[in-house]
């Protein structure tokens, strides 16, 4: 039986005692129908749990069998890590149909969740995930030249609504610039490979709150994306 590896993003009730399960895979977002998915006593109950890595097979779009690869237990018991993980899953579900390379996107998502399970700073990982996915979405921030005229001279600041740097000639009156230290942090994280990152040093050196604010504005402006998970977290004052 050939198995498909994936991360459960969400599930929805379907007919009597069944669920439709949505899974992020290397081929993009897929779904299957899980009979007995609403019953805690069902042997397949684990396969519909959000934030679980599974390997599964289907027949005529119905779950046929499989195995659980990762439950991410340390994430699920930690009230600092869990809200971030849920934001990651929410974003993955939202943008999975729009990324340019589904294989890279799946592996990147899996790697970030593994690092989160290992105890790397949750906020730092959320920033990295949001920032690097901009490339896969065709929204790569422009750091080293003017987004309009492409000159590398006389750059005056990074403008969120433009998606990058602007020069003295192209800037418009009243435009707000992202603070230069935040731009430097963004560029550093964006251009450094995940495997080459010193997470301990980055956690201490970057302005995480400002980066979160900039990325929130970036996603809202270019994608119209507002995290419902974040809204709930803020209402409950979890972080």
Protein backbone atom coordinates (compact mmCIF):
# COMPACT_ATOMS: atom_id res chain seq x y z
CA UNK A 1 0.00 0.00 0.00
CA UNK A 2 1.55 3.27 -1.15
CA UNK A 3 1.29 5.92 1.54
CA UNK A 4 1.11 9.69 1.15
CA UNK A 5 2.85 11.78 3.80
CA UNK A 6 1.08 14.88 5.03
CA UNK A 7 0.23 17.24 7.87
CA UNK A 8 -3.40 17.49 8.95
CA UNK A 9 -4.57 21.08 8.60
CA UNK A 10 -8.22 20.76 9.56
CA UNK A 11 -11.27 18.51 9.39
CA UNK A 12 -14.99 19.04 8.89
CA UNK A 13 -18.03 16.91 9.76
CA UNK A 14 -19.38 14.89 6.84
CA UNK A 15 -22.55 12.79 6.92
CA UNK A 16 -23.03 10.43 9.89
CA UNK A 17 -19.92 10.03 12.07
CA UNK A 18 -17.56 10.85 9.20
CA UNK A 19 -15.19 13.74 8.55
CA UNK A 20 -13.50 15.34 5.59
CA UNK A 21 -9.81 15.70 6.46
CA UNK A 22 -7.62 18.31 4.74
CA UNK A 23 -3.93 17.47 4.56
CA UNK A 24 -0.89 19.42 3.37
CA UNK A 25 1.30 17.20 1.20
CA UNK A 26 4.22 17.63 -1.17
CA UNK A 27 1.64 17.74 -3.99
CA UNK A 28 -0.36 20.50 -2.36
CA UNK A 29 -3.47 20.38 -0.19
CA UNK A 30 -5.46 17.17 -0.47
CA UNK A 31 -8.49 15.74 1.31
CA UNK A 32 -10.07 12.42 2.14
CA UNK A 33 -13.20 11.13 3.87
CA UNK A 34 -12.63 9.44 7.21
CA UNK A 35 -15.40 7.11 8.37
CA UNK A 36 -15.85 7.08 12.12
CA UNK A 37 -13.80 10.24 12.41
CA UNK A 38 -16.03 11.70 15.12
CA UNK A 39 -15.71 8.74 17.49
CA UNK A 40 -12.99 8.74 20.14
CA UNK A 41 -13.13 4.95 20.11
CA UNK A 42 -12.35 4.73 16.39
CA UNK A 43 -8.91 3.36 15.53
CA UNK A 44 -8.64 6.07 12.88
CA UNK A 45 -9.54 9.02 15.15
CA UNK A 46 -5.94 10.27 15.23
CA UNK A 47 -5.95 10.78 11.46
CA UNK A 48 -8.32 13.75 11.68
CA UNK A 49 -6.52 15.63 14.45
CA UNK A 50 -5.17 19.00 13.43
CA UNK A 51 -1.42 19.41 13.75
CA UNK A 52 -0.55 15.74 13.24
CA UNK A 53 1.82 14.32 10.62
CA UNK A 54 0.46 11.17 9.02
CA UNK A 55 1.12 8.73 6.21
CA UNK A 56 -2.09 7.50 4.61
CA UNK A 57 -3.69 5.76 1.67
CA UNK A 58 -7.10 6.28 0.12
CA UNK A 59 -9.49 4.37 -2.10
CA UNK A 60 -12.09 6.34 -4.03
CA UNK A 61 -11.24 9.28 -1.75
CA UNK A 62 -12.01 7.31 1.42
CA UNK A 63 -9.34 6.67 4.05
CA UNK A 64 -8.00 3.15 3.58
CA UNK A 65 -5.22 2.97 6.16
CA UNK A 66 -2.01 4.52 7.36
CA UNK A 67 0.12 5.46 10.34
CA UNK A 68 0.81 8.47 12.51
CA UNK A 69 4.32 9.87 11.99
CA UNK A 70 4.31 12.70 14.54
CA UNK A 71 1.86 13.94 17.16
CA UNK A 72 4.02 16.96 18.13
CA UNK A 73 3.31 16.36 21.85
CA UNK A 74 5.65 19.07 23.17
CA UNK A 75 3.91 21.67 21.03
CA UNK A 76 0.44 20.62 22.13
CA UNK A 77 1.16 20.87 25.86
CA UNK A 78 2.96 24.23 25.68
CA UNK A 79 0.78 27.35 25.70
CA UNK A 80 3.58 29.35 24.09
CA UNK A 81 4.21 26.94 21.24
CA UNK A 82 0.66 25.78 20.52
CA UNK A 83 -0.80 29.19 19.48
CA UNK A 84 2.13 29.67 17.09
CA UNK A 85 1.69 26.18 15.64
CA UNK A 86 -2.00 26.86 15.06
CA UNK A 87 -1.11 30.11 13.27
CA UNK A 88 1.34 28.18 11.08
CA UNK A 89 -1.30 25.60 10.20
CA UNK A 90 -3.87 28.33 9.51
CA UNK A 91 -1.47 30.15 7.18
CA UNK A 92 -0.45 26.91 5.45
CA UNK A 93 -4.11 26.12 4.81
CA UNK A 94 -4.73 29.61 3.43
CA UNK A 95 -1.76 29.89 1.07
CA UNK A 96 -1.21 26.26 0.05
CA UNK A 97 -3.13 26.70 -3.20
CA UNK A 98 -1.07 29.74 -4.17
CA UNK A 99 2.57 28.74 -3.59
CA UNK A 100 4.85 28.22 -6.57
CA UNK A 101 6.51 24.99 -5.35
CA UNK A 102 4.35 22.63 -3.29
CA UNK A 103 7.22 20.24 -2.54
CA UNK A 104 9.42 22.96 -1.06
CA UNK A 105 6.46 24.42 0.80
CA UNK A 106 5.57 21.11 2.41
CA UNK A 107 9.13 20.35 3.47
CA UNK A 108 9.59 23.87 4.84
CA UNK A 109 6.37 23.60 6.86
CA UNK A 110 7.44 20.21 8.20
CA UNK A 111 10.91 21.52 9.11
CA UNK A 112 9.48 24.51 10.99
CA UNK A 113 7.12 22.28 13.00
CA UNK A 114 10.02 19.96 13.85
CA UNK A 115 12.06 22.92 15.12
CA UNK A 116 9.06 24.12 17.12
CA UNK A 117 8.70 20.67 18.66
CA UNK A 118 12.42 20.79 19.57
CA UNK A 119 11.93 24.00 21.54
CA UNK A 120 13.24 26.73 19.22
CA UNK A 121 11.75 30.17 19.99
CA UNK A 122 8.13 30.05 18.72
CA UNK A 123 7.92 33.73 17.78
CA UNK A 124 11.17 33.56 15.82
CA UNK A 125 9.93 30.51 13.90
CA UNK A 126 6.62 32.22 13.09
CA UNK A 127 8.50 35.21 11.69
CA UNK A 128 10.77 32.98 9.61
CA UNK A 129 7.81 31.02 8.29
CA UNK A 130 5.84 34.10 7.29
CA UNK A 131 8.84 35.84 5.79
CA UNK A 132 10.27 33.01 3.69
CA UNK A 133 6.88 31.97 2.33
CA UNK A 134 6.63 35.35 0.62
CA UNK A 135 9.09 34.05 -1.97
CA UNK A 136 6.90 31.02 -2.74
CA UNK A 137 3.93 33.37 -3.07
CA UNK A 138 5.70 35.59 -5.61
CA UNK A 139 5.79 38.44 -3.11
CA UNK A 140 9.48 38.51 -2.30
CA UNK A 141 10.41 41.73 -0.44
CA UNK A 142 12.83 43.96 -2.34
CA UNK A 143 15.76 44.96 -0.12
CA UNK A 144 18.58 46.07 -2.42
CA UNK A 145 16.98 48.23 -5.09
CA UNK A 146 14.03 50.54 -5.66
CA UNK A 147 10.85 48.55 -6.33
CA UNK A 148 9.81 51.06 -9.01
CA UNK A 149 12.84 52.22 -11.00
CA UNK A 150 15.24 49.41 -9.95
CA UNK A 151 18.05 51.77 -9.06
CA UNK A 152 20.37 50.80 -6.22
CA UNK A 153 21.30 54.41 -5.52
CA UNK A 154 19.73 56.90 -3.13
CA UNK A 155 17.49 54.36 -1.38
CA UNK A 156 15.56 56.07 1.39
CA UNK A 157 13.41 53.41 3.04
CA UNK A 158 11.30 50.27 2.97
CA UNK A 159 7.59 50.87 2.33
CA UNK A 160 5.21 48.02 3.25
CA UNK A 161 2.57 48.93 0.67
CA UNK A 162 5.20 48.87 -2.08
CA UNK A 163 6.76 45.64 -0.94
CA UNK A 164 10.28 46.94 -0.66
CA UNK A 165 12.72 49.80 -0.84
CA UNK A 166 12.07 53.07 -2.59
CA UNK A 167 14.56 55.67 -3.77
CA UNK A 168 14.60 59.41 -3.27
CA UNK A 169 13.27 59.98 -6.81
CA UNK A 170 10.31 57.57 -6.48
CA UNK A 171 9.26 58.19 -2.90
CA UNK A 172 5.89 59.84 -2.34
CA UNK A 173 5.08 62.48 0.24
CA UNK A 174 3.85 61.10 3.53
CA UNK A 175 5.04 57.55 2.99
CA UNK A 176 5.93 55.72 6.19
CA UNK A 177 9.21 53.82 6.27
CA UNK A 178 9.93 50.67 8.24
CA UNK A 179 12.74 51.41 10.75
CA UNK A 180 16.10 50.54 9.25
CA UNK A 181 17.02 48.05 11.99
CA UNK A 182 13.81 46.13 11.25
CA UNK A 183 14.60 46.12 7.53
CA UNK A 184 18.05 44.77 8.32
CA UNK A 185 16.51 42.03 10.47
CA UNK A 186 14.08 41.13 7.70
CA UNK A 187 16.82 40.95 5.09
CA UNK A 188 19.02 38.85 7.34
CA UNK A 189 16.31 36.27 8.06
CA UNK A 190 15.06 36.23 4.49
CA UNK A 191 18.46 35.66 2.95
CA UNK A 192 19.85 33.13 5.46
CA UNK A 193 19.10 29.45 4.86
CA UNK A 194 17.19 27.70 7.64
CA UNK A 195 20.03 25.22 8.19
CA UNK A 196 22.54 28.06 8.62
CA UNK A 197 20.60 30.00 11.24
CA UNK A 198 21.90 30.47 14.78
CA UNK A 199 18.53 30.48 16.53
CA UNK A 200 19.90 31.33 19.97
CA UNK A 201 21.70 34.40 18.65
CA UNK A 202 18.77 35.49 16.49
CA UNK A 203 16.34 35.24 19.40
CA UNK A 204 18.43 37.74 21.34
CA UNK A 205 19.35 40.12 18.52
CA UNK A 206 16.30 40.77 16.34
CA UNK A 207 13.29 43.00 17.02
CA UNK A 208 10.61 40.30 16.98
CA UNK A 209 7.64 42.49 17.87
CA UNK A 210 8.37 44.95 15.07
CA UNK A 211 8.92 42.14 12.57
CA UNK A 212 5.58 40.57 13.50
CA UNK A 213 3.87 43.92 12.99
CA UNK A 214 5.48 44.49 9.58
CA UNK A 215 4.65 40.99 8.36
CA UNK A 216 1.07 41.28 9.59
CA UNK A 217 0.69 44.48 7.56
CA UNK A 218 2.42 42.88 4.57
CA UNK A 219 0.06 39.89 4.48
CA UNK A 220 -3.00 42.05 5.02
CA UNK A 221 -2.07 44.45 2.22
CA UNK A 222 -0.99 41.98 -0.45
CA UNK A 223 -3.11 38.92 0.39
CA UNK A 224 -5.97 40.26 2.47
CA UNK A 225 -5.00 37.70 5.10
CA UNK A 226 -5.90 38.28 8.74
CA UNK A 227 -5.23 35.50 11.21
CA UNK A 228 -8.33 34.44 13.11
CA UNK A 229 -6.13 32.37 15.40
CA UNK A 230 -4.11 35.45 16.33
CA UNK A 231 -7.30 37.38 17.10
CA UNK A 232 -8.43 34.64 19.48
CA UNK A 233 -4.99 34.44 21.10
CA UNK A 234 -4.97 38.18 21.68
CA UNK A 235 -8.46 38.09 23.18
CA UNK A 236 -7.44 35.34 25.57
CA UNK A 237 -4.08 37.01 26.31
CA UNK A 238 -2.27 33.70 25.81
CA UNK A 239 0.98 35.36 24.76
